[in-house]
Amino acid sequence: MFDPEMIALLRAILNEVCEDLPQYETGVRAHVASKILEAATRGESSIENLKRIGKAALATAPTMWR
């Protein structure tokens, strides 16, 4: 599906978006990852847009963290 370079980019974006998220919030991280992955699967490749999508997913994720 994705080449190793794209996978590394998606992982880096996920890590950046979730850098302040506590480790135990794995469900939130999975939610953010799925939204970033959905966008990439639809053809989104802009780093800034993928970050924006990830941040929006983080802001709307159901959690007790906020």
Protein backbone atom coordinates (compact mmCIF):
# COMPACT_ATOMS: atom_id res chain seq x y z
CA MET A 1 0.00 0.00 0.00
CA PHE A 2 2.57 2.62 1.11
CA ASP A 3 6.29 2.56 0.49
CA PRO A 4 8.69 2.61 3.47
CA GLU A 5 9.41 6.32 2.99
CA MET A 6 5.70 7.23 3.22
CA ILE A 7 5.24 4.99 6.26
CA ALA A 8 8.14 6.76 7.97
CA LEU A 9 6.59 10.14 7.12
CA LEU A 10 3.17 9.12 8.48
CA ARG A 11 4.78 7.80 11.66
CA ALA A 12 6.76 11.02 12.13
CA ILE A 13 3.60 13.10 11.70
CA LEU A 14 1.74 10.92 14.20
CA ASN A 15 4.57 11.24 16.72
CA GLU A 16 4.70 15.01 16.30
CA VAL A 17 0.94 15.46 16.64
CA CYS A 18 0.82 13.20 19.72
CA GLU A 19 4.04 14.35 21.38
CA ASP A 20 2.25 15.82 24.43
CA LEU A 21 -0.19 12.94 24.77
CA PRO A 22 0.31 10.71 27.83
CA GLN A 23 1.56 7.20 26.99
CA TYR A 24 -1.54 5.49 28.37
CA GLU A 25 -3.80 7.28 25.86
CA THR A 26 -3.36 4.55 23.25
CA GLY A 27 -6.96 4.80 22.10
CA VAL A 28 -6.56 8.48 21.29
CA ARG A 29 -3.30 7.80 19.47
CA ALA A 30 -5.00 5.06 17.45
CA HIS A 31 -7.84 7.48 16.58
CA VAL A 32 -5.38 10.10 15.35
CA ALA A 33 -3.40 7.49 13.41
CA SER A 34 -6.53 6.22 11.69
CA LYS A 35 -7.53 9.72 10.56
CA ILE A 36 -4.05 10.44 9.21
CA LEU A 37 -4.01 7.07 7.45
CA GLU A 38 -7.48 7.62 5.96
CA ALA A 39 -6.34 10.93 4.50
CA ALA A 40 -3.15 9.42 3.09
CA THR A 41 -5.13 6.55 1.58
CA ARG A 42 -7.35 9.10 -0.19
CA GLY A 43 -4.20 10.57 -1.73
CA GLU A 44 -3.36 13.40 0.67
CA SER A 45 0.41 13.80 0.68
CA SER A 46 0.95 17.33 1.95
CA ILE A 47 2.79 17.19 5.26
CA GLU A 48 1.03 20.31 6.51
CA ASN A 49 -2.41 18.97 5.60
CA LEU A 50 -1.69 15.61 7.24
CA LYS A 51 -0.56 17.43 10.40
CA ARG A 52 -3.71 19.56 10.33
CA ILE A 53 -5.86 16.44 9.97
CA GLY A 54 -3.99 14.77 12.84
CA LYS A 55 -4.39 17.81 15.10
CA ALA A 56 -8.10 18.01 14.30
CA ALA A 57 -8.48 14.32 15.15
CA LEU A 58 -6.62 14.85 18.42
CA ALA A 59 -8.85 17.77 19.34
CA THR A 60 -12.03 15.77 18.73
CA ALA A 61 -10.93 12.40 20.12
CA PRO A 62 -13.00 11.10 23.01
CA THR A 63 -10.73 11.14 26.06
CA MET A 64 -10.46 12.06 29.69
CA TRP A 65 -7.07 13.66 28.95
CA ARG A 66 -8.47 17.09 28.05
